[in-house]
Protein backbone atom coordinates (compact mmCIF):
# COMPACT_ATOMS: atom_id res chain seq x y z
CA MET A 1 -14.56 -25.52 19.23
CA ALA A 2 -11.18 -27.26 18.80
CA HIS A 3 -11.43 -26.63 15.07
CA VAL A 4 -11.63 -22.88 15.65
CA LYS A 5 -8.51 -22.95 17.82
CA LYS A 6 -6.54 -24.87 15.20
CA GLY A 7 -7.64 -22.44 12.49
CA THR A 8 -6.73 -19.44 14.64
CA ALA A 9 -3.35 -20.92 15.54
CA GLY A 10 -2.65 -21.62 11.88
CA ALA A 11 -3.62 -18.08 10.89
CA LEU A 12 -1.40 -16.60 13.60
CA LEU A 13 1.52 -18.78 12.54
CA PHE A 14 1.05 -17.75 8.92
CA ALA A 15 0.85 -14.06 9.88
CA ALA A 16 4.05 -14.36 11.95
CA LEU A 17 5.82 -16.00 9.00
CA VAL A 18 4.75 -13.22 6.61
CA VAL A 19 5.86 -10.49 9.04
CA THR A 20 9.23 -12.21 9.50
CA MET A 21 9.76 -12.46 5.76
CA VAL A 22 8.89 -8.80 5.19
CA PHE A 23 11.04 -7.65 8.10
CA SER A 24 14.05 -9.70 7.00
CA SER A 25 13.77 -8.43 3.42
CA CYS A 26 13.77 -4.84 4.70
CA GLN A 27 16.83 -5.49 6.81
CA ALA A 28 18.70 -6.94 3.85
CA ALA A 29 18.25 -3.67 1.95
CA ASP A 30 19.72 -1.41 4.67
CA TYR A 31 23.37 -0.40 4.38
CA CYS A 32 24.63 1.35 7.51
CA HIS A 33 27.85 3.08 8.57
CA ALA A 34 28.91 5.25 11.50
CA ILE A 35 28.70 8.93 10.50
CA VAL A 36 29.42 11.83 12.87
CA PRO A 37 27.35 13.94 12.88
CA CYS A 38 24.49 12.01 11.32
CA SER A 39 21.96 14.34 9.74
CA ASP A 40 19.75 14.29 6.66
CA GLU A 41 22.48 16.06 4.70
CA THR A 42 25.50 14.00 5.81
CA CYS A 43 23.61 10.73 5.48
CA SER A 44 22.33 11.62 2.01
CA ASN A 45 25.87 12.56 0.93
CA TYR A 46 27.18 9.22 2.24
CA CYS A 47 24.56 7.26 0.28
CA GLN A 48 25.23 9.24 -2.91
CA LYS A 49 29.01 8.73 -2.62
CA ASN A 50 28.41 4.98 -2.37
CA ASN A 51 26.35 5.05 -5.60
CA PHE A 52 23.09 3.85 -4.04
CA LYS A 53 20.08 4.53 -6.26
CA ASN A 54 16.55 5.44 -5.12
CA PHE A 55 17.63 5.34 -1.48
CA GLN A 56 15.95 6.56 1.68
CA THR A 57 18.10 7.68 4.59
CA TYR A 58 17.71 7.50 8.33
CA CYS A 59 19.98 7.97 11.33
CA THR A 60 20.09 5.63 14.30
CA THR A 61 22.03 5.62 17.52
CA GLY A 62 24.68 2.94 17.31
CA GLN A 63 26.52 1.49 20.28
CA TYR A 64 29.10 4.30 20.31
CA TYR A 65 28.43 6.57 17.31
CA PRO A 66 25.47 7.81 15.28
CA THR A 67 24.84 5.55 12.31
CA CYS A 68 23.62 6.53 8.85
CA CYS A 69 21.56 3.93 7.01
CA CYS A 70 20.74 3.87 3.32
CA ARG A 71 17.58 1.88 2.65
CA VAL A 72 17.70 0.66 -0.93
CA PRO A 73 14.55 -0.84 -2.45
CA ASP A 74 14.87 -4.13 -4.35
CA ALA A 75 18.43 -4.69 -3.18
């Protein structure tokens, strides 16, 4: 029974490590800046003006202002 617990703990630790690596790599590819108003159009224009290629856009609520983020794959 102890062997099962060790195997389960090891699997959970490995899964947590993989999720952390994937999450951190996604964060590294996001370039964000305060944009008012943040919409699909204004955010897309911001990403284009900064010469990002193959980007995806999304708006978030920053501490004080809306924030446009350009998610760039393989950055």
